[in-house]
Amino acid sequence: MSPQAAGAMLGLAFACGALLAAARLGATRTPGLARRIAPFVPASAASVALRRPPASTMSTVVALLRPSPSAASVNSLRERLARAGRAGEVDQYRIEQVAFGLTGVLAGGALGLVAVARSGPAIAMLLLPLFGAGVALLLADRRLARQASRRRTRVSQQLPTVAELLAFAVAAGESPVVAIERVTRTVSGDLSGEFAGAIADLRAGAPLDSALRGVASRTASPEVERFVDGLVVAIERGTPLVDVLRAQAADARAAGRRSLIETAGRKDVLMLVPVVFLILPTVVLIALFPGFQSLQLVVP
């Protein structure tokens, strides 16, 4: 190993050791007098902050690695996590980002060592870990977006069933709130979980229209948004709710059929790949093989 590579490895090891030592020092620090007497002092903003448990080692590492985020970025991340079905997991997602970044750094460092061992430039030991960390963070963001997309698809598929069950419950004489609560107890899935969250918001004092629109904002599904808008308008104007719910269920099923047709249309080109490159050459070979065999028999 060249002296440049050895120096880079020693510097990286020293930086990791210093980071872990700082994290361990912050996690095992002895609490001061103010924190020890905080549980016996009347509640205030300062005492509430002091009563918080000390951060763990991983949380301290996350706090050291990430910059101070703005309120807009935190709110945006919370919305994305809610759309992916991971509401309230901001810290866990940050830990996942740190894990992805460390994996990318290690992979880039390994590639840098291979490059330097093969007489490559020594700057590769610095650039490749940074590049690996960036790619790993992009993969983590892409993973979250894919989770949100899959959940939105599942919610759209569950909407017709939930709408029909709501129509049956309202037709039986139940109020909209009781009907929604009954459906959340009967059906399992992402959409029923969101309606259960709306029921919790109602019990906490939120108005019905705000709780229902929260379902639409958390799912980010156009079909659910139309369903919630129709439901809220029907409740506000006194429109027969059963007819509205049945119409919404029919529209959701029609939207599902259109989505399947559109998906099949987009897959036509991909379906040509195995046909053109696998099936068609095999058929041509089978058709031409007897001719080649006969030519070999005829021509000496």
Protein backbone atom coordinates (compact mmCIF):
# COMPACT_ATOMS: atom_id res chain seq x y z
CA MET A 1 0.00 0.00 0.00
CA SER A 2 1.29 3.44 -0.91
CA PRO A 3 1.99 6.07 1.80
CA GLN A 4 -0.93 8.20 0.56
CA ALA A 5 -3.40 5.33 0.94
CA ALA A 6 -2.07 4.48 4.40
CA GLY A 7 -2.39 8.11 5.49
CA ALA A 8 -5.94 8.31 4.18
CA MET A 9 -6.93 5.14 6.02
CA LEU A 10 -5.37 6.38 9.27
CA GLY A 11 -7.17 9.71 8.95
CA LEU A 12 -10.51 8.00 8.31
CA ALA A 13 -10.03 5.68 11.30
CA PHE A 14 -9.09 8.60 13.53
CA ALA A 15 -12.18 10.58 12.44
CA CYS A 16 -14.51 7.63 13.09
CA GLY A 17 -12.96 7.02 16.50
CA ALA A 18 -13.27 10.69 17.49
CA LEU A 19 -16.90 10.76 16.40
CA LEU A 20 -17.75 7.63 18.39
CA ALA A 21 -15.90 8.93 21.45
CA ALA A 22 -17.80 12.24 21.30
CA ALA A 23 -21.11 10.40 20.93
CA ARG A 24 -20.34 8.12 23.86
CA LEU A 25 -19.27 11.05 26.00
CA GLY A 26 -22.54 12.89 25.34
CA ALA A 27 -24.65 9.78 26.06
CA THR A 28 -22.95 8.85 29.36
CA ARG A 29 -22.49 12.33 30.79
CA THR A 30 -23.51 12.62 34.47
CA PRO A 31 -26.69 14.72 34.82
CA GLY A 32 -26.28 18.04 36.57
CA LEU A 33 -28.07 19.31 39.65
CA ALA A 34 -30.79 21.09 37.64
CA ARG A 35 -31.72 17.89 35.79
CA ARG A 36 -31.76 15.86 39.01
CA ILE A 37 -34.19 18.21 40.82
CA ALA A 38 -36.35 18.92 37.73
CA PRO A 39 -38.96 16.18 38.54
CA PHE A 40 -39.65 17.87 41.90
CA VAL A 41 -40.05 21.42 40.51
CA PRO A 42 -43.42 22.77 39.24
CA ALA A 43 -43.89 22.38 35.50
CA SER A 44 -42.41 25.04 33.26
CA ALA A 45 -40.81 25.19 29.83
CA ALA A 46 -37.33 24.83 31.30
CA SER A 47 -38.28 21.97 33.62
CA VAL A 48 -40.05 20.10 30.81
CA ALA A 49 -36.90 20.38 28.69
CA LEU A 50 -34.80 19.11 31.58
CA ARG A 51 -37.09 16.13 32.20
CA ARG A 52 -36.44 14.73 28.75
CA PRO A 53 -34.36 11.53 28.89
CA PRO A 54 -30.76 11.77 27.72
CA ALA A 55 -30.18 10.95 24.09
CA SER A 56 -28.89 7.54 23.11
CA THR A 57 -25.61 7.02 21.32
CA MET A 58 -27.22 6.60 17.90
CA SER A 59 -29.39 9.69 18.39
CA THR A 60 -26.31 11.68 19.35
CA VAL A 61 -24.49 10.47 16.23
CA VAL A 62 -27.49 11.52 14.12
CA ALA A 63 -27.55 14.94 15.79
CA LEU A 64 -23.84 15.40 15.15
CA LEU A 65 -23.97 14.37 11.52
CA ARG A 66 -27.05 16.24 10.33
CA PRO A 67 -27.23 20.03 10.05
CA SER A 68 -29.90 22.06 11.82
CA PRO A 69 -32.97 21.59 9.57
CA SER A 70 -35.44 24.36 8.94
CA ALA A 71 -39.07 24.07 9.96
CA ALA A 72 -40.17 23.82 6.31
CA SER A 73 -37.83 20.89 5.59
CA VAL A 74 -38.94 19.06 8.74
CA ASN A 75 -42.61 19.55 7.87
CA SER A 76 -41.98 18.38 4.32
CA LEU A 77 -40.22 15.26 5.59
CA ARG A 78 -43.07 14.56 8.01
CA GLU A 79 -45.58 14.80 5.16
CA ARG A 80 -43.56 12.41 3.03
CA LEU A 81 -43.24 9.95 5.89
CA ALA A 82 -46.99 10.17 6.55
CA ARG A 83 -47.71 9.46 2.89
CA ALA A 84 -45.44 6.42 3.14
CA GLY A 85 -47.30 5.18 6.23
CA ARG A 86 -44.46 6.08 8.59
CA ALA A 87 -45.91 9.02 10.48
CA GLY A 88 -43.83 10.12 13.44
CA GLU A 89 -40.68 8.27 12.34
CA VAL A 90 -38.50 11.28 11.57
CA ASP A 91 -35.66 10.19 13.87
CA GLN A 92 -35.82 6.61 12.61
CA TYR A 93 -35.61 7.84 9.01
CA ARG A 94 -32.61 9.99 9.92
CA ILE A 95 -30.95 6.92 11.40
CA GLU A 96 -31.67 5.03 8.18
CA GLN A 97 -30.07 7.87 6.23
CA VAL A 98 -26.98 7.66 8.42
CA ALA A 99 -26.84 3.88 7.89
CA PHE A 100 -27.17 4.30 4.11
CA GLY A 101 -24.50 7.02 4.15
CA LEU A 102 -22.05 4.92 6.16
CA THR A 103 -22.63 2.00 3.82
CA GLY A 104 -21.92 4.23 0.84
CA VAL A 105 -18.77 5.58 2.51
CA LEU A 106 -17.50 2.07 3.22
CA ALA A 107 -18.27 0.91 -0.32
CA GLY A 108 -16.57 3.99 -1.78
CA GLY A 109 -13.59 3.51 0.52
CA ALA A 110 -13.23 -0.09 -0.62
CA LEU A 111 -13.32 1.00 -4.25
CA GLY A 112 -10.80 3.72 -3.46
CA LEU A 113 -8.44 1.18 -1.91
CA VAL A 114 -8.76 -1.02 -4.98
CA ALA A 115 -8.08 1.96 -7.25
CA VAL A 116 -5.02 3.05 -5.26
CA ALA A 117 -3.73 -0.52 -5.11
CA ARG A 118 -3.89 -0.60 -8.91
CA SER A 119 -1.76 2.54 -9.18
CA GLY A 120 -4.74 4.86 -9.41
CA PRO A 121 -4.77 8.48 -8.22
CA ALA A 122 -4.65 8.97 -4.45
CA ILE A 123 -7.52 11.47 -4.65
CA ALA A 124 -9.81 8.50 -5.28
CA MET A 125 -9.57 7.67 -1.56
CA LEU A 126 -11.37 10.96 -0.87
CA LEU A 127 -13.72 11.30 -3.83
CA LEU A 128 -15.10 7.77 -3.99
CA PRO A 129 -16.35 7.67 -0.35
CA LEU A 130 -18.07 11.04 -0.87
CA PHE A 131 -19.60 9.83 -4.11
CA GLY A 132 -20.74 6.61 -2.44
CA ALA A 133 -22.35 8.54 0.42
CA GLY A 134 -24.22 10.78 -2.03
CA VAL A 135 -25.49 7.83 -4.05
CA ALA A 136 -26.56 6.02 -0.87
CA LEU A 137 -28.52 9.05 0.36
CA LEU A 138 -30.25 9.33 -3.01
CA LEU A 139 -31.16 5.64 -2.78
CA ALA A 140 -32.65 6.21 0.69
CA ASP A 141 -34.76 9.09 -0.65
CA ARG A 142 -35.82 7.01 -3.63
CA ARG A 143 -36.79 4.17 -1.30
CA LEU A 144 -39.07 6.48 0.68
CA ALA A 145 -40.69 7.76 -2.52
CA ARG A 146 -41.28 4.19 -3.70
CA GLN A 147 -42.89 3.29 -0.38
CA ALA A 148 -45.23 6.29 -0.69
CA SER A 149 -46.14 5.34 -4.26
CA ARG A 150 -46.92 1.74 -3.32
CA ARG A 151 -49.03 2.87 -0.39
CA ARG A 152 -50.95 5.30 -2.60
CA THR A 153 -51.70 2.45 -4.99
CA ARG A 154 -52.94 0.23 -2.15
CA VAL A 155 -55.14 3.03 -0.82
CA SER A 156 -56.69 3.57 -4.25
CA GLN A 157 -57.43 -0.15 -4.51
CA GLN A 158 -59.05 -0.25 -1.05
CA LEU A 159 -61.25 2.81 -1.63
CA PRO A 160 -64.20 1.07 -3.43
CA THR A 161 -64.60 -1.48 -0.63
CA VAL A 162 -64.50 1.17 2.09
CA ALA A 163 -66.96 3.39 0.22
CA GLU A 164 -69.46 0.56 -0.25
CA LEU A 165 -69.22 -0.47 3.40
CA LEU A 166 -69.81 3.14 4.41
CA ALA A 167 -72.86 3.25 2.13
CA PHE A 168 -74.25 0.07 3.71
CA ALA A 169 -73.68 1.42 7.24
CA VAL A 170 -75.31 4.78 6.46
CA ALA A 171 -78.23 3.05 4.72
CA ALA A 172 -78.75 1.02 7.90
CA GLY A 173 -79.39 4.27 9.79
CA GLU A 174 -76.01 5.07 11.31
CA SER A 175 -74.48 8.54 11.32
CA PRO A 176 -71.39 9.21 9.17
CA VAL A 177 -69.04 9.23 12.18
CA VAL A 178 -70.41 5.97 13.57
CA ALA A 179 -70.32 4.42 10.09
CA ILE A 180 -66.66 5.40 9.65
CA GLU A 181 -65.82 3.99 13.07
CA ARG A 182 -67.58 0.72 12.24
CA VAL A 183 -65.68 0.43 8.96
CA THR A 184 -62.35 1.00 10.71
CA ARG A 185 -63.16 -1.88 13.07
CA THR A 186 -64.30 -4.16 10.24
CA VAL A 187 -61.73 -3.57 7.50
CA SER A 188 -57.96 -3.75 7.78
CA GLY A 189 -55.60 -1.85 5.54
CA ASP A 190 -53.93 1.48 4.98
CA LEU A 191 -57.13 3.39 4.22
CA SER A 192 -58.99 2.08 7.25
CA GLY A 193 -55.98 3.05 9.37
CA GLU A 194 -56.18 6.59 8.01
CA PHE A 195 -59.89 6.76 8.83
CA ALA A 196 -59.07 5.49 12.32
CA GLY A 197 -56.68 8.42 12.61
CA ALA A 198 -59.52 10.73 11.51
CA ILE A 199 -61.73 9.29 14.27
CA ALA A 200 -58.95 9.97 16.77
CA ASP A 201 -58.75 13.57 15.54
CA LEU A 202 -62.51 13.89 15.97
CA ARG A 203 -62.29 12.68 19.56
CA ALA A 204 -59.50 15.16 20.15
CA GLY A 205 -61.83 18.01 19.16
CA ALA A 206 -61.14 18.51 15.44
CA PRO A 207 -64.12 19.26 13.15
CA LEU A 208 -65.36 16.51 10.84
CA ASP A 209 -64.36 18.20 7.58
CA SER A 210 -60.83 18.91 8.86
CA ALA A 211 -60.39 15.31 10.05
CA LEU A 212 -61.57 13.91 6.72
CA ARG A 213 -59.41 16.27 4.68
CA GLY A 214 -56.47 15.14 6.79
CA VAL A 215 -57.03 11.64 5.40
CA ALA A 216 -56.80 13.00 1.86
CA SER A 217 -53.63 14.98 2.60
CA ARG A 218 -51.88 12.03 4.29
CA THR A 219 -52.67 9.56 1.51
CA ALA A 220 -51.99 11.99 -1.40
CA SER A 221 -54.37 9.96 -3.57
CA PRO A 222 -56.55 11.82 -6.10
CA GLU A 223 -59.32 9.22 -5.74
CA VAL A 224 -59.39 9.59 -1.95
CA GLU A 225 -59.36 13.38 -2.28
CA ARG A 226 -62.40 13.29 -4.59
CA PHE A 227 -64.12 10.87 -2.23
CA VAL A 228 -63.49 13.08 0.79
CA ASP A 229 -64.61 16.22 -1.07
CA GLY A 230 -67.86 14.55 -2.10
CA LEU A 231 -68.44 13.23 1.41
CA VAL A 232 -67.83 16.63 3.04
CA VAL A 233 -70.04 18.48 0.54
CA ALA A 234 -72.84 15.94 1.01
CA ILE A 235 -72.69 16.30 4.81
CA GLU A 236 -72.63 20.11 4.65
CA ARG A 237 -75.50 20.43 2.15
CA GLY A 238 -77.65 17.61 3.42
CA THR A 239 -77.46 15.56 0.23
CA PRO A 240 -78.56 11.89 0.57
CA LEU A 241 -75.33 10.34 1.74
CA VAL A 242 -76.08 6.79 0.59
CA ASP A 243 -76.39 7.80 -3.06
CA VAL A 244 -73.23 9.87 -2.85
CA LEU A 245 -71.23 7.03 -1.31
CA ARG A 246 -72.45 4.51 -3.88
CA ALA A 247 -71.62 6.91 -6.70
CA GLN A 248 -68.18 7.47 -5.22
CA ALA A 249 -67.61 3.70 -4.98
CA ALA A 250 -68.65 3.28 -8.63
CA ASP A 251 -66.32 6.10 -9.69
CA ALA A 252 -63.46 4.52 -7.70
CA ARG A 253 -63.97 1.16 -9.40
CA ALA A 254 -64.11 2.84 -12.80
CA ALA A 255 -60.88 4.70 -11.99
CA GLY A 256 -59.28 1.40 -11.00
CA ARG A 257 -60.28 -0.15 -14.32
CA ARG A 258 -58.90 2.83 -16.23
CA SER A 259 -55.66 2.56 -14.28
CA LEU A 260 -55.34 -1.12 -15.20
CA ILE A 261 -55.95 -0.31 -18.87
CA GLU A 262 -53.34 2.46 -18.78
CA THR A 263 -50.84 0.14 -17.09
CA ALA A 264 -51.45 -2.53 -19.71
CA GLY A 265 -50.95 0.08 -22.44
CA ARG A 266 -47.61 1.13 -20.97
CA LYS A 267 -46.50 -2.49 -20.69
CA ASP A 268 -47.05 -3.20 -24.40
CA VAL A 269 -43.56 -2.03 -25.32
CA LEU A 270 -41.97 -4.03 -22.51
CA MET A 271 -43.90 -7.10 -23.60
CA LEU A 272 -42.31 -6.82 -27.05
CA VAL A 273 -38.82 -7.32 -25.57
CA PRO A 274 -39.17 -11.06 -24.76
CA VAL A 275 -41.25 -11.60 -27.90
CA VAL A 276 -38.70 -10.01 -30.25
CA PHE A 277 -35.48 -11.11 -28.56
CA LEU A 278 -36.45 -14.52 -27.12
CA ILE A 279 -39.54 -16.08 -28.68
CA LEU A 280 -39.13 -14.86 -32.28
CA PRO A 281 -35.47 -16.00 -32.66
CA THR A 282 -36.41 -19.41 -31.25
CA VAL A 283 -39.27 -19.77 -33.73
CA VAL A 284 -36.99 -18.73 -36.61
CA LEU A 285 -34.33 -21.24 -35.58
CA ILE A 286 -36.90 -24.03 -35.34
CA ALA A 287 -38.23 -23.13 -38.78
CA LEU A 288 -34.79 -22.94 -40.41
CA PHE A 289 -33.22 -25.95 -38.73
CA PRO A 290 -34.73 -28.58 -41.10
CA GLY A 291 -33.55 -26.57 -44.11
CA PHE A 292 -29.98 -26.40 -42.79
CA GLN A 293 -30.04 -30.12 -42.11
CA SER A 294 -31.27 -30.91 -45.63
CA LEU A 295 -28.57 -28.66 -47.16
CA GLN A 296 -25.90 -30.51 -45.21
CA LEU A 297 -27.24 -33.84 -46.52
CA VAL A 298 -27.43 -32.68 -50.14
CA VAL A 299 -24.16 -30.76 -50.39
CA PRO A 300 -21.21 -33.15 -50.02
